Amino acid sequence: MKTPALWSAQAHMPSVIDRQIRVVSAQGAYLTTDEGKRLFDGTSSLWYTNIGHGREEMARVAYEQMKTLDAYHVFGRYTNDRAVELSEKLVSIAPMDNAKVILNSGGSDAIDVALKLARRYWNHVGRKSKKVIISREHSYHGLHAYGTSVAGLDFNREGYGTDSLVSGTERVEKHSTTAFAEAIERIGAENIAAYIAEPILGTGGVHPPQKGYFEEIQRMCRDNDILFIADEVITGFGRTGSMFASTRYGLQPDIVTFAKGVTSGYAALGGIFVAPRLWQPFFEQNADAPVYRHGTTYSGHPVTAALALKNLEILERESLLERSVHLEQVLSNALSAIESHELVASTRVGGFLGAIELRDMAQAELITDQLLDLGFISRPLRGNSVQFSPPLISTDQEVRSFVEAVRYLLDDIQPARIRA
């Protein structure tokens, strides 16, 4: 068998070579394969297609920007109109006051720039021992060097010599404030640079925060002078009914990472918001002000920035944040109705994000494969869970039908389980 030239991401290649799905077009909440099969995009691709696929006005924006200024960087003295305009817009909707924005090419980039900045800040202010980054079990923070090193999903860490890839990282139990307090005591606050967390654990199984968790975490960060970083790569730009989950859950982070929904996937873009405490030393008008030596080739790319601006306009013009609030309730009701099924261990919803955790007799990987035959795309997540995160333009009935398709497949498992 001839092997493909493309080495797919996160794939066990021998298992997928003869069963790959080639997507050739997309419109709204649906994809079409090369075999003509129409599939509901139940995961918004990789969590990001908030405004849906195939919008002509997005294509027009890219075309017009390419005619004017196709590409240029924002290193040193150089900038461009679209990068400046986008940064001003982002600051106006940021989940913190008086923020600065660093732009790059995606979520994994954003994690690297955030964690490097945390260490660089402490180094500059003379507290050079503050290097350790604490993250949560089952967390996902991209797959660059820093993201791999702070990953709370073991399968994303194995095989890389993680402790030496980026040293000085620790993980704590995902819902335990006691575990965080114990880590501070054991490591020493004087050695800890930052704590990083997704407001809602995404790839780790869609786990919303437990009541009071982040309030206590933030108190401990303040009391021990530990930077708090909110990873909003998945949860930003309407996915939780607010522009950012930090606003919904009352978080006050020092850094917020973002990507995905900022362009709804129409171009590769990510970045971070930086609170005044961190950015001010780098902006001081004196010769001793440090340089934060980080940047990516396509930071502030004018076409990407133009697409992000149009995407944000669409989110606001079509009231998709309000739509997200409504769809969260539709999804919650649908998942509540399936929770009593014998093969369902639990269901979880946080914003327009959801998961069904299955009992051992049913396998999420098999269910998500079988959903394709019924016209729905999903993914298996950690904890034998099935993912739900459709575009914010989805109809109520599409959401309900998506959940009902899972019920149909679980019902089909019952006879085999009973005979066993």
Protein backbone atom coordinates (compact mmCIF):
# COMPACT_ATOMS: atom_id res chain seq x y z
CA MET A 1 0.00 0.00 0.00
CA LYS A 2 1.32 3.42 -0.93
CA THR A 3 1.67 5.65 2.12
CA PRO A 4 0.44 9.26 1.92
CA ALA A 5 2.83 12.17 1.65
CA LEU A 6 0.97 14.02 4.41
CA TRP A 7 1.89 12.98 7.95
CA SER A 8 -1.35 13.79 9.78
CA ALA A 9 -1.38 15.49 13.18
CA GLN A 10 -1.97 13.44 16.35
CA ALA A 11 -2.53 10.32 14.23
CA HIS A 12 -1.55 6.67 14.59
CA MET A 13 -0.72 6.55 10.91
CA PRO A 14 -1.07 2.77 10.34
CA SER A 15 -4.64 3.01 11.66
CA VAL A 16 -5.77 5.93 9.51
CA ILE A 17 -4.03 5.42 6.17
CA ASP A 18 -6.91 3.53 4.53
CA ARG A 19 -9.75 5.34 6.32
CA GLN A 20 -8.98 9.02 6.01
CA ILE A 21 -11.81 11.47 5.40
CA ARG A 22 -11.03 14.06 2.76
CA VAL A 23 -13.00 17.28 3.25
CA VAL A 24 -13.45 19.24 0.02
CA SER A 25 -15.90 22.02 0.92
CA ALA A 26 -17.81 23.56 3.80
CA GLN A 27 -20.79 25.83 4.30
CA GLY A 28 -22.39 26.99 7.52
CA ALA A 29 -22.25 24.16 10.06
CA TYR A 30 -21.63 21.43 7.46
CA LEU A 31 -18.69 19.85 5.66
CA THR A 32 -18.72 17.85 2.41
CA THR A 33 -16.29 15.01 1.70
CA ASP A 34 -14.81 13.92 -1.62
CA GLU A 35 -17.42 11.13 -1.63
CA GLY A 36 -20.23 13.67 -1.43
CA LYS A 37 -21.15 12.93 2.21
CA ARG A 38 -22.50 15.90 4.18
CA LEU A 39 -21.35 16.04 7.81
CA PHE A 40 -22.47 18.26 10.68
CA ASP A 41 -19.36 19.88 12.17
CA GLY A 42 -20.10 18.96 15.77
CA THR A 43 -16.67 20.04 17.02
CA SER A 44 -16.33 23.32 15.09
CA SER A 45 -13.28 21.66 13.55
CA LEU A 46 -10.82 21.96 16.47
CA TRP A 47 -13.14 24.08 18.67
CA TYR A 48 -12.85 27.21 16.51
CA THR A 49 -15.43 27.65 13.73
CA ASN A 50 -17.62 29.97 15.79
CA ILE A 51 -19.20 31.87 12.87
CA GLY A 52 -19.48 28.81 10.64
CA HIS A 53 -17.82 27.91 7.36
CA GLY A 54 -17.80 29.43 3.90
CA ARG A 55 -18.71 33.07 4.53
CA GLU A 56 -18.20 35.04 1.33
CA GLU A 57 -17.59 38.32 3.15
CA MET A 58 -14.57 36.74 4.85
CA ALA A 59 -13.16 35.76 1.47
CA ARG A 60 -13.75 39.28 0.15
CA VAL A 61 -11.94 40.81 3.13
CA ALA A 62 -8.90 38.59 2.52
CA TYR A 63 -8.91 39.42 -1.20
CA GLU A 64 -9.13 43.17 -0.66
CA GLN A 65 -6.41 43.14 1.98
CA MET A 66 -4.10 41.07 -0.23
CA LYS A 67 -4.48 43.67 -2.97
CA THR A 68 -3.54 46.45 -0.56
CA LEU A 69 -0.88 44.85 1.65
CA ASP A 70 -0.41 41.10 1.37
CA ALA A 71 2.09 40.62 4.19
CA TYR A 72 4.54 42.40 6.43
CA HIS A 73 5.97 41.81 9.88
CA VAL A 74 5.67 43.80 13.11
CA PHE A 75 9.25 43.41 14.34
CA GLY A 76 11.16 46.38 15.72
CA ARG A 77 9.99 49.72 14.29
CA TYR A 78 7.63 48.17 11.75
CA THR A 79 3.91 47.69 12.01
CA ASN A 80 0.88 47.79 9.70
CA ASP A 81 -2.60 49.30 9.79
CA ARG A 82 -4.53 46.06 10.23
CA ALA A 83 -2.32 44.80 13.08
CA VAL A 84 -2.74 48.13 14.90
CA GLU A 85 -6.49 48.18 14.30
CA LEU A 86 -6.92 44.60 15.50
CA SER A 87 -4.85 45.21 18.62
CA GLU A 88 -6.95 48.24 19.53
CA LYS A 89 -10.13 46.24 18.99
CA LEU A 90 -8.87 43.33 21.07
CA VAL A 91 -7.85 45.62 23.93
CA SER A 92 -11.37 47.11 23.91
CA ILE A 93 -12.93 43.67 24.53
CA ALA A 94 -10.14 42.17 26.67
CA PRO A 95 -11.00 40.56 30.04
CA MET A 96 -8.60 42.95 31.78
CA ASP A 97 -8.12 46.72 31.91
CA ASN A 98 -5.37 48.56 30.04
CA ALA A 99 -3.97 45.44 28.36
CA LYS A 100 -1.30 45.12 25.71
CA VAL A 101 -1.50 42.50 22.96
CA ILE A 102 1.22 40.28 21.51
CA LEU A 103 0.12 38.63 18.25
CA ASN A 104 1.42 35.39 16.78
CA SER A 105 0.27 32.40 14.73
CA GLY A 106 -1.85 30.24 17.03
CA GLY A 107 -2.61 28.77 20.43
CA SER A 108 0.57 26.80 20.91
CA ASP A 109 2.55 29.92 20.04
CA ALA A 110 0.49 31.85 22.58
CA ILE A 111 1.39 29.43 25.36
CA ASP A 112 5.10 29.72 24.59
CA VAL A 113 4.99 33.51 24.52
CA ALA A 114 2.99 33.65 27.78
CA LEU A 115 5.18 31.30 29.79
CA LYS A 116 8.42 32.81 28.48
CA LEU A 117 7.11 36.26 29.41
CA ALA A 118 6.25 35.11 32.93
CA ARG A 119 9.82 33.94 33.49
CA ARG A 120 11.30 36.96 31.72
CA TYR A 121 9.29 39.34 33.91
CA TRP A 122 10.49 37.83 37.16
CA ASN A 123 14.06 37.75 35.88
CA HIS A 124 13.90 41.45 35.01
CA VAL A 125 12.56 42.53 38.40
CA GLY A 126 15.39 40.68 40.16
CA ARG A 127 13.52 37.61 41.40
CA LYS A 128 15.39 35.15 39.24
CA SER A 129 14.49 32.05 41.24
CA LYS A 130 10.82 32.36 40.21
CA LYS A 131 10.81 29.90 37.29
CA VAL A 132 8.44 27.01 38.06
CA ILE A 133 5.20 26.82 36.07
CA ILE A 134 2.30 24.98 37.71
CA SER A 135 -0.52 23.54 35.59
CA ARG A 136 -3.42 21.15 36.17
CA GLU A 137 -3.82 17.46 35.48
CA HIS A 138 -5.80 16.69 32.32
CA SER A 139 -5.01 20.16 30.95
CA TYR A 140 -4.10 20.89 27.34
CA HIS A 141 -1.90 23.84 26.44
CA GLY A 142 -0.85 23.12 22.88
CA LEU A 143 2.06 21.08 21.64
CA HIS A 144 5.04 23.41 21.42
CA ALA A 145 7.89 22.91 23.88
CA TYR A 146 6.31 24.80 26.77
CA GLY A 147 2.85 23.39 26.10
CA THR A 148 4.18 19.84 25.99
CA SER A 149 6.09 20.37 29.21
CA VAL A 150 3.11 21.72 31.18
CA ALA A 151 0.62 19.29 29.61
CA GLY A 152 -1.67 17.51 32.03
CA LEU A 153 -2.44 14.76 29.52
CA ASP A 154 0.22 12.09 29.78
CA PHE A 155 -0.16 10.87 26.20
CA ASN A 156 0.94 14.31 24.98
CA ARG A 157 4.03 14.26 27.21
CA GLU A 158 5.39 10.77 26.68
CA GLY A 159 8.52 10.18 24.63
CA TYR A 160 9.99 13.69 24.67
CA GLY A 161 12.11 13.66 27.81
CA THR A 162 9.59 16.17 29.12
CA ASP A 163 11.42 17.02 32.34
CA SER A 164 14.36 18.26 30.29
CA LEU A 165 12.35 19.64 27.34
CA VAL A 166 11.41 22.66 29.47
CA SER A 167 12.42 22.09 33.07
CA GLY A 168 10.70 23.51 36.11
CA THR A 169 7.09 22.45 35.55
CA GLU A 170 4.65 20.87 38.00
CA ARG A 171 1.09 19.56 37.74
CA VAL A 172 -1.60 19.51 40.42
CA GLU A 173 -5.02 17.87 40.73
CA LYS A 174 -7.50 19.71 38.52
CA HIS A 175 -10.18 20.65 41.07
CA SER A 176 -8.12 20.71 44.28
CA THR A 177 -7.13 24.00 45.87
CA THR A 178 -5.46 21.93 48.60
CA ALA A 179 -3.15 20.35 46.02
CA PHE A 180 -2.12 23.83 44.81
CA ALA A 181 -1.48 24.99 48.37
CA GLU A 182 0.64 21.90 49.03
CA ALA A 183 2.65 22.53 45.85
CA ILE A 184 3.36 26.11 46.96
CA GLU A 185 4.52 24.84 50.36
CA ARG A 186 6.70 22.13 48.84
CA ILE A 187 8.26 24.18 46.01
CA GLY A 188 8.34 27.54 47.75
CA ALA A 189 6.49 30.62 46.48
CA GLU A 190 9.85 32.25 45.85
CA ASN A 191 10.48 29.66 43.12
CA ILE A 192 7.08 29.74 41.36
CA ALA A 193 6.61 32.04 38.37
CA ALA A 194 3.04 31.26 37.31
CA TYR A 195 -0.02 29.08 37.52
CA ILE A 196 -1.75 28.36 34.19
CA ALA A 197 -5.24 26.93 33.72
CA GLU A 198 -8.00 26.64 31.15
CA PRO A 199 -11.16 28.18 32.65
CA ILE A 200 -12.92 25.10 31.25
CA LEU A 201 -10.72 22.06 30.66
CA GLY A 202 -11.32 21.29 26.99
CA THR A 203 -9.43 18.36 25.51
CA GLY A 204 -9.21 16.94 29.02
CA GLY A 205 -12.93 16.17 28.86
CA VAL A 206 -14.87 19.49 29.10
CA HIS A 207 -14.68 20.13 32.85
CA PRO A 208 -16.13 23.49 33.96
CA PRO A 209 -14.69 24.99 37.16
CA GLN A 210 -16.14 23.86 40.44
CA LYS A 211 -17.76 26.53 42.58
CA GLY A 212 -15.20 28.55 44.52
CA TYR A 213 -12.19 26.89 42.89
CA PHE A 214 -10.76 29.81 40.96
CA GLU A 215 -11.63 32.31 43.68
CA GLU A 216 -9.34 30.41 46.06
CA ILE A 217 -6.66 29.79 43.43
CA GLN A 218 -6.51 33.49 42.63
CA ARG A 219 -6.30 34.39 46.31
CA MET A 220 -3.33 32.06 46.75
CA CYS A 221 -1.67 33.50 43.63
CA ARG A 222 -2.07 37.04 44.97
CA ASP A 223 -0.89 36.12 48.48
CA ASN A 224 2.18 34.33 47.14
CA ASP A 225 3.02 36.67 44.24
CA ILE A 226 2.39 34.01 41.58
CA LEU A 227 1.22 35.12 38.14
CA PHE A 228 -2.16 33.75 37.07
CA ILE A 229 -2.46 32.81 33.38
CA ALA A 230 -5.83 31.97 31.84
CA ASP A 231 -5.58 29.79 28.74
CA GLU A 232 -8.59 30.93 26.68
CA VAL A 233 -7.51 29.41 23.37
CA ILE A 234 -10.71 27.32 23.32
CA THR A 235 -13.04 29.42 25.46
CA GLY A 236 -12.49 32.86 23.94
CA PHE A 237 -14.69 34.82 21.52
CA GLY A 238 -18.17 33.75 22.49
CA ARG A 239 -17.85 30.06 23.17
CA THR A 240 -19.02 30.49 26.78
CA GLY A 241 -21.64 33.16 26.15
CA SER A 242 -19.22 35.93 27.14
CA MET A 243 -16.47 37.22 24.92
CA PHE A 244 -14.09 35.45 27.33
CA ALA A 245 -14.64 32.82 30.00
CA SER A 246 -12.54 34.94 32.37
CA THR A 247 -15.40 37.44 32.42
CA ARG A 248 -18.03 34.76 32.93
CA TYR A 249 -16.19 33.20 35.86
CA GLY A 250 -14.88 36.41 37.42
CA LEU A 251 -11.21 35.71 36.75
CA GLN A 252 -8.57 38.43 37.01
CA PRO A 253 -5.57 37.01 35.16
CA ASP A 254 -2.19 38.59 34.56
CA ILE A 255 -1.99 37.00 31.10
CA VAL A 256 -4.71 35.59 28.86
CA THR A 257 -3.86 33.43 25.86
CA PHE A 258 -6.18 33.36 22.85
CA ALA A 259 -6.45 31.89 19.34
CA LYS A 260 -9.03 29.72 17.49
CA GLY A 261 -12.25 31.77 17.71
CA VAL A 262 -10.45 35.08 17.08
CA THR A 263 -10.68 34.29 13.34
CA SER A 264 -13.10 31.34 13.54
CA GLY A 265 -10.36 29.42 11.74
CA TYR A 266 -10.37 31.53 8.58
CA ALA A 267 -6.68 32.26 9.21
CA ALA A 268 -4.02 31.17 11.70
CA LEU A 269 -3.84 33.69 14.54
CA GLY A 270 -3.18 33.63 18.25
CA GLY A 271 -1.81 35.89 20.91
CA ILE A 272 -1.87 37.03 24.51
CA PHE A 273 -3.30 39.86 26.56
CA VAL A 274 -0.80 41.26 29.07
CA ALA A 275 -1.83 43.14 32.21
CA PRO A 276 -0.12 46.44 33.12
CA ARG A 277 1.98 44.93 35.89
CA LEU A 278 3.85 42.85 33.32
CA TRP A 279 4.02 45.16 30.33
CA GLN A 280 4.95 48.41 32.06
CA PRO A 281 8.63 47.58 32.77
CA PHE A 282 9.12 46.87 29.05
CA PHE A 283 7.59 50.23 28.03
CA GLU A 284 9.48 52.52 30.42
CA GLN A 285 11.11 55.48 28.71
CA ASN A 286 14.68 54.80 29.71
CA ALA A 287 17.72 53.04 28.32
CA ASP A 288 17.46 50.25 30.87
CA ALA A 289 14.03 49.05 29.72
CA PRO A 290 14.39 45.38 28.74
CA VAL A 291 13.56 43.86 25.37
CA TYR A 292 11.21 40.89 25.35
CA ARG A 293 13.00 38.88 22.68
CA HIS A 294 10.18 36.85 21.26
CA GLY A 295 8.37 37.03 17.94
CA THR A 296 7.03 34.86 15.13
CA THR A 297 7.36 35.51 11.41
CA TYR A 298 3.65 36.04 10.87
CA SER A 299 2.95 38.11 13.98
CA GLY A 300 0.51 40.85 13.01
CA HIS A 301 0.03 39.49 9.49
CA PRO A 302 -2.25 42.07 7.81
CA VAL A 303 -4.51 39.56 6.01
CA THR A 304 -4.95 37.50 9.17
CA ALA A 305 -5.65 40.65 11.18
CA ALA A 306 -8.23 41.82 8.63
CA LEU A 307 -10.00 38.47 8.87
CA ALA A 308 -10.00 38.64 12.66
CA LEU A 309 -11.57 42.09 12.57
CA LYS A 310 -14.32 40.92 10.24
CA ASN A 311 -14.89 37.82 12.38
CA LEU A 312 -15.31 39.97 15.50
CA GLU A 313 -17.69 42.23 13.58
CA ILE A 314 -19.82 39.21 12.63
CA LEU A 315 -19.88 37.91 16.21
CA GLU A 316 -21.25 41.26 17.36
CA ARG A 317 -23.52 42.02 14.37
CA GLU A 318 -25.27 38.66 14.54
CA SER A 319 -25.44 38.58 18.36
CA LEU A 320 -23.63 35.26 18.45
CA LEU A 321 -22.64 35.66 22.09
CA GLU A 322 -26.31 35.78 22.99
CA ARG A 323 -26.89 32.87 20.63
CA SER A 324 -24.19 30.94 22.51
CA VAL A 325 -26.04 31.47 25.79
CA HIS A 326 -29.21 30.08 24.23
CA LEU A 327 -27.46 27.11 22.64
CA GLU A 328 -25.79 26.27 25.94
CA GLN A 329 -29.24 25.75 27.43
CA VAL A 330 -30.37 23.68 24.44
CA LEU A 331 -27.29 21.48 24.78
CA SER A 332 -27.68 21.24 28.55
CA ASN A 333 -31.30 20.10 28.20
CA ALA A 334 -30.39 17.53 25.55
CA LEU A 335 -27.53 16.12 27.60
CA SER A 336 -29.67 16.01 30.75
CA ALA A 337 -32.17 13.87 28.86
CA ILE A 338 -29.51 11.31 27.95
CA GLU A 339 -27.80 11.25 31.36
CA SER A 340 -30.08 8.50 32.67
CA HIS A 341 -28.97 6.11 29.92
CA GLU A 342 -27.34 2.97 31.32
CA LEU A 343 -24.17 3.54 29.29
CA VAL A 344 -23.74 7.19 30.30
CA ALA A 345 -21.59 7.87 33.36
CA SER A 346 -22.13 11.65 33.34
CA THR A 347 -22.61 14.69 31.15
CA ARG A 348 -20.93 18.08 31.41
CA VAL A 349 -21.66 21.51 29.95
CA GLY A 350 -19.71 24.76 30.22
CA GLY A 351 -20.81 27.42 27.78
CA PHE A 352 -21.61 25.95 24.38
CA LEU A 353 -19.17 23.14 25.14
CA GLY A 354 -20.26 19.72 26.29
CA ALA A 355 -19.26 16.11 26.79
CA ILE A 356 -20.89 12.76 27.45
CA GLU A 357 -18.69 10.50 29.56
CA LEU A 358 -19.45 6.88 28.75
CA ARG A 359 -19.26 3.78 30.91
CA ASP A 360 -16.68 1.14 30.03
CA MET A 361 -19.16 -0.97 28.04
CA ALA A 362 -19.24 1.78 25.40
CA GLN A 363 -16.13 3.27 23.79
CA ALA A 364 -16.09 6.96 22.83
CA GLU A 365 -13.70 6.28 19.95
CA LEU A 366 -16.10 3.74 18.43
CA ILE A 367 -19.12 5.98 18.99
CA THR A 368 -17.46 8.95 17.27
CA ASP A 369 -16.54 6.73 14.31
CA GLN A 370 -20.12 5.49 14.05
CA LEU A 371 -21.50 9.04 14.29
CA LEU A 372 -19.90 9.72 10.89
CA ASP A 373 -22.27 7.20 9.33
CA LEU A 374 -25.16 9.20 10.79
CA GLY A 375 -23.78 12.49 9.45
CA PHE A 376 -22.18 13.95 12.60
CA ILE A 377 -18.56 14.75 13.44
CA SER A 378 -17.38 14.42 17.03
CA ARG A 379 -14.15 13.46 18.80
CA PRO A 380 -13.26 11.19 21.70
CA LEU A 381 -11.83 13.15 24.62
CA ARG A 382 -9.99 12.03 27.75
CA GLY A 383 -12.09 10.00 30.13
CA ASN A 384 -13.99 8.06 27.44
CA SER A 385 -15.96 11.19 26.58
CA VAL A 386 -17.70 12.38 23.42
CA GLN A 387 -17.21 16.05 22.49
CA PHE A 388 -19.92 18.59 21.63
CA SER A 389 -18.92 22.07 20.44
CA PRO A 390 -20.76 22.97 17.20
CA PRO A 391 -20.60 26.39 15.54
CA LEU A 392 -22.48 29.21 17.24
CA ILE A 393 -24.73 29.46 14.17
CA SER A 394 -26.16 25.96 14.72
CA THR A 395 -29.91 25.52 15.02
CA ASP A 396 -31.60 24.17 18.12
CA GLN A 397 -32.72 21.09 16.20
CA GLU A 398 -29.21 20.37 14.92
CA VAL A 399 -27.92 20.34 18.49
CA ARG A 400 -30.73 18.08 19.67
CA SER A 401 -30.27 15.74 16.69
CA PHE A 402 -26.54 15.51 17.41
CA VAL A 403 -27.19 14.30 20.96
CA GLU A 404 -29.99 11.99 19.81
CA ALA A 405 -27.58 10.37 17.34
CA VAL A 406 -25.38 9.37 20.28
CA ARG A 407 -28.41 7.96 22.10
CA TYR A 408 -29.33 5.92 19.01
CA LEU A 409 -25.85 4.39 18.92
CA LEU A 410 -25.85 3.65 22.65
CA ASP A 411 -29.26 1.99 22.37
CA ASP A 412 -27.80 -0.29 19.71
CA ILE A 413 -25.10 -1.44 22.16
CA GLN A 414 -27.63 -2.57 24.78
CA PRO A 415 -28.53 -6.05 23.39
CA ALA A 416 -24.87 -7.06 23.09
CA ARG A 417 -24.21 -5.86 26.63
CA ILE A 418 -27.21 -7.72 28.06
CA ARG A 419 -26.30 -11.00 26.32
CA ALA A 420 -22.79 -10.72 27.71
